[in-house]
Protein backbone atom coordinates (compact mmCIF):
# COMPACT_ATOMS: atom_id res chain seq x y z
CA MET A 1 0.00 0.00 0.00
CA ASN A 2 2.85 2.42 0.77
CA ARG A 3 4.64 2.08 -2.54
CA PRO A 4 1.85 3.49 -4.76
CA ARG A 5 1.38 6.33 -2.27
CA ARG A 6 5.08 7.24 -2.36
CA SER A 7 5.05 6.99 -6.15
CA GLU A 8 2.14 9.37 -6.38
CA GLN A 9 3.83 11.79 -4.00
CA THR A 10 6.98 11.67 -6.12
CA ARG A 11 4.99 12.33 -9.27
CA GLU A 12 3.25 15.30 -7.67
CA ALA A 13 6.58 16.66 -6.41
CA LEU A 14 8.02 16.44 -9.93
CA ILE A 15 5.01 18.25 -11.36
CA GLU A 16 5.17 21.04 -8.77
CA ALA A 17 8.92 21.50 -9.22
CA GLY A 18 8.52 21.41 -13.00
CA ILE A 19 5.88 24.13 -13.00
CA GLU A 20 8.04 26.25 -10.71
CA HIS A 21 11.14 25.95 -12.90
CA LEU A 22 9.37 26.40 -16.24
CA SER A 23 7.44 29.43 -14.96
CA VAL A 24 10.75 31.11 -14.12
CA HIS A 25 13.27 29.75 -16.63
CA GLY A 26 11.13 28.65 -19.58
CA TYR A 27 11.34 25.41 -21.53
CA HIS A 28 14.84 25.78 -22.93
CA GLY A 29 16.21 27.20 -19.70
CA THR A 30 14.99 24.26 -17.64
CA GLY A 31 16.79 20.93 -17.58
CA ILE A 32 15.30 17.73 -16.22
CA LYS A 33 18.38 17.34 -14.00
CA GLN A 34 17.53 20.59 -12.18
CA ILE A 35 14.10 19.25 -11.31
CA LEU A 36 15.35 15.79 -10.37
CA ASP A 37 18.01 17.25 -8.07
CA GLU A 38 15.46 19.43 -6.32
CA VAL A 39 13.04 16.56 -5.74
CA ASN A 40 15.92 14.12 -5.10
CA VAL A 41 14.75 11.62 -7.71
CA PRO A 42 17.13 9.54 -9.86
CA LYS A 43 16.93 10.02 -13.62
CA GLY A 44 15.72 6.48 -14.20
CA SER A 45 12.75 7.02 -11.91
CA PHE A 46 11.69 10.08 -13.89
CA TYR A 47 11.08 7.94 -16.96
CA ASN A 48 8.85 5.64 -14.93
CA PHE A 49 6.43 8.56 -14.76
CA PHE A 50 6.98 10.43 -18.03
CA ALA A 51 8.05 9.18 -21.44
CA SER A 52 10.07 12.30 -22.26
CA LYS A 53 10.65 15.92 -21.33
CA GLU A 54 8.08 16.85 -23.96
CA ALA A 55 5.46 14.56 -22.39
CA PHE A 56 6.36 15.94 -18.96
CA VAL A 57 5.88 19.55 -20.06
CA ALA A 58 2.59 18.73 -21.79
CA GLU A 59 1.32 17.30 -18.52
CA LEU A 60 2.58 20.32 -16.59
CA ILE A 61 0.62 22.61 -18.88
CA GLY A 62 -2.59 20.67 -18.28
CA HIS A 63 -1.98 20.46 -14.54
CA TYR A 64 -1.18 24.18 -14.25
CA SER A 65 -4.23 25.21 -16.24
CA GLN A 66 -6.62 22.90 -14.39
CA ASP A 67 -5.31 24.03 -11.02
CA LEU A 68 -5.99 27.68 -11.84
CA LEU A 69 -9.42 26.86 -13.25
CA ASN A 70 -10.23 25.02 -10.03
CA GLN A 71 -9.17 28.07 -8.02
CA LEU A 72 -11.38 30.29 -10.16
CA ALA A 73 -14.33 27.93 -9.72
CA VAL A 74 -13.93 28.25 -5.95
CA PHE A 75 -13.76 32.05 -6.31
CA MET A 76 -16.86 32.20 -8.54
CA THR A 77 -18.95 30.14 -6.13
CA GLY A 78 -17.53 31.80 -3.03
CA VAL A 79 -16.14 35.30 -2.63
CA GLY A 80 -16.95 36.27 -6.22
CA LYS A 81 -20.50 34.95 -6.25
CA ASP A 82 -22.18 38.27 -5.43
CA LEU A 83 -19.84 40.45 -7.49
CA THR A 84 -20.81 41.85 -10.86
CA PRO A 85 -19.01 40.37 -13.90
CA ILE A 86 -16.86 43.51 -14.08
CA GLU A 87 -15.94 43.22 -10.42
CA GLN A 88 -15.12 39.55 -10.93
CA LEU A 89 -12.74 40.36 -13.80
CA ARG A 90 -11.05 43.04 -11.75
CA ALA A 91 -10.66 40.80 -8.70
CA ILE A 92 -9.19 37.98 -10.83
CA TYR A 93 -6.57 40.07 -12.59
CA LEU A 94 -5.57 41.95 -9.41
CA TYR A 95 -5.13 38.67 -7.53
CA SER A 96 -2.98 37.32 -10.35
CA LEU A 97 -0.82 40.44 -10.35
CA GLU A 98 -0.28 40.14 -6.60
CA ARG A 99 1.01 36.60 -7.10
CA TYR A 100 3.42 37.65 -9.85
CA ALA A 101 4.68 40.60 -7.78
CA SER A 102 5.17 38.39 -4.71
CA HIS A 103 7.64 36.30 -6.73
CA GLY A 104 9.64 39.33 -7.80
CA PHE A 105 8.19 39.23 -11.34
CA LYS A 106 10.35 36.21 -12.11
CA LYS A 107 7.41 33.96 -12.88
CA SER A 108 5.09 34.23 -15.84
CA CYS A 109 1.89 32.55 -17.00
CA LEU A 110 3.02 29.05 -17.90
CA VAL A 111 0.46 28.70 -20.69
CA GLY A 112 1.44 32.02 -22.27
CA SER A 113 5.19 31.47 -21.98
CA MET A 114 5.05 27.90 -23.31
CA ALA A 115 2.81 29.00 -26.18
CA SER A 116 5.37 31.57 -27.31
CA GLU A 117 8.38 29.31 -26.73
CA ILE A 118 7.57 25.79 -27.89
CA SER A 119 4.13 25.54 -29.51
CA SER A 120 5.76 25.46 -32.94
CA GLU A 121 8.34 22.86 -31.84
CA SER A 122 6.16 20.34 -30.04
CA GLU A 123 2.87 19.09 -31.42
CA MET A 124 2.12 17.35 -28.12
CA CYS A 125 2.54 20.57 -26.16
CA ARG A 126 0.72 22.62 -28.79
CA ILE A 127 -2.34 20.38 -28.47
CA GLU A 128 -2.29 20.71 -24.68
CA LEU A 129 -1.82 24.47 -24.92
CA GLU A 130 -4.74 24.75 -27.31
CA ARG A 131 -6.93 22.63 -25.03
CA SER A 132 -6.00 24.75 -22.01
CA MET A 133 -6.63 27.99 -23.87
CA LYS A 134 -10.06 26.82 -25.00
CA GLN A 135 -10.94 26.12 -21.35
CA TRP A 136 -9.77 29.57 -20.30
CA LEU A 137 -11.64 31.28 -23.12
CA SER A 138 -14.78 29.35 -22.22
CA PHE A 139 -14.49 30.51 -18.62
CA PHE A 140 -14.10 34.17 -19.55
CA SER A 141 -16.80 33.91 -22.22
CA GLY A 142 -19.19 32.95 -19.43
CA ILE A 143 -18.29 36.09 -17.50
CA PHE A 144 -18.74 38.32 -20.55
CA GLU A 145 -22.04 36.66 -21.40
CA GLN A 146 -23.33 37.51 -17.93
CA GLY A 147 -21.96 41.03 -18.32
CA GLN A 148 -23.92 41.47 -21.54
CA LYS A 149 -27.11 40.20 -19.91
CA GLN A 150 -26.66 42.75 -17.12
CA GLY A 151 -25.97 45.56 -19.57
CA LEU A 152 -22.40 46.03 -18.34
CA VAL A 153 -20.48 44.80 -21.38
CA ARG A 154 -20.76 45.82 -25.03
CA ASP A 155 -23.07 43.56 -26.99
CA ASP A 156 -21.86 44.25 -30.51
CA MET A 157 -19.38 41.39 -30.16
CA SER A 158 -19.91 37.78 -29.13
CA PRO A 159 -18.78 36.74 -25.63
CA SER A 160 -16.21 34.42 -27.19
CA ASP A 161 -14.73 37.21 -29.34
CA ILE A 162 -14.54 39.50 -26.31
CA ALA A 163 -12.86 36.71 -24.32
CA GLY A 164 -10.27 36.29 -27.07
CA LEU A 165 -9.55 40.01 -27.09
CA TYR A 166 -9.32 40.11 -23.30
CA TRP A 167 -6.98 37.10 -23.19
CA ALA A 168 -4.70 38.61 -25.84
CA ALA A 169 -4.52 41.90 -23.90
CA TRP A 170 -3.76 40.06 -20.66
CA GLU A 171 -0.94 37.95 -22.08
CA GLY A 172 0.57 40.97 -23.81
CA ALA A 173 0.35 42.96 -20.58
CA LEU A 174 2.17 40.20 -18.70
CA ILE A 175 5.09 40.42 -21.12
CA LYS A 176 5.30 44.15 -20.48
CA MET A 177 5.10 43.54 -16.72
CA LYS A 178 8.00 41.11 -16.80
CA MET A 179 10.13 43.57 -18.77
CA SER A 180 9.37 46.49 -16.46
CA ALA A 181 9.09 44.53 -13.17
CA ASP A 182 6.07 46.67 -12.38
CA THR A 183 2.34 45.96 -12.18
CA LYS A 184 1.28 49.53 -13.00
CA PRO A 185 1.44 49.13 -16.82
CA VAL A 186 -0.66 45.96 -16.59
CA LYS A 187 -3.26 47.68 -14.42
CA ARG A 188 -3.52 50.53 -16.95
CA ILE A 189 -4.00 48.10 -19.82
CA MET A 190 -6.57 45.94 -18.02
CA GLU A 191 -8.52 48.95 -16.74
CA LEU A 192 -8.57 50.35 -20.27
CA MET A 193 -9.97 47.03 -21.45
CA ILE A 194 -12.57 46.74 -18.69
CA GLY A 195 -13.52 50.37 -18.23
CA THR A 196 -13.41 51.61 -21.81
CA LEU A 197 -13.03 49.10 -24.63
CA LEU A 198 -15.44 46.48 -23.27
CA LYS A 199 -17.89 48.83 -21.60
CA LYS A 200 -21.33 49.19 -23.13
């Protein structure tokens, strides 16, 4: 009974360490040895869990995305339940910025950074990135749909198109944040999106 439990703990530790390293150093700046040394796992054991670095990263992308979606689901049914769609958007992006700032702006959105770095090199990762992005766009489309119903969001565009625009602005703003090591430019961009471009 103990062996499967330890194996699962090892797998989870590898995933957590992998997300941490890739979020800071990117795909090409992260070696499997770095992760194995941190978790204290021999190289041979790594390949008992993952067929390759590519397969490992594809799983990290899915794990990272699902974890954040789970957190947002908790927010939407808890603290964010009684907020307007606009207030929900603002709370989500401000919380995300606080997390990035707390890590000294060294981390970035794993989905966004992997999409720009390896989506053209790895079909396996590209498929996982596309799946994750569709889930994110679906989530935000739901918020914009509610915003349209409440007369808070422009209705001359579909919720899915607005979600795509919002996502593109967010990822672009994160690049600027990492370059400047400052959340102020991101806040200006996101407030422009929410308060002006998307407002009815």
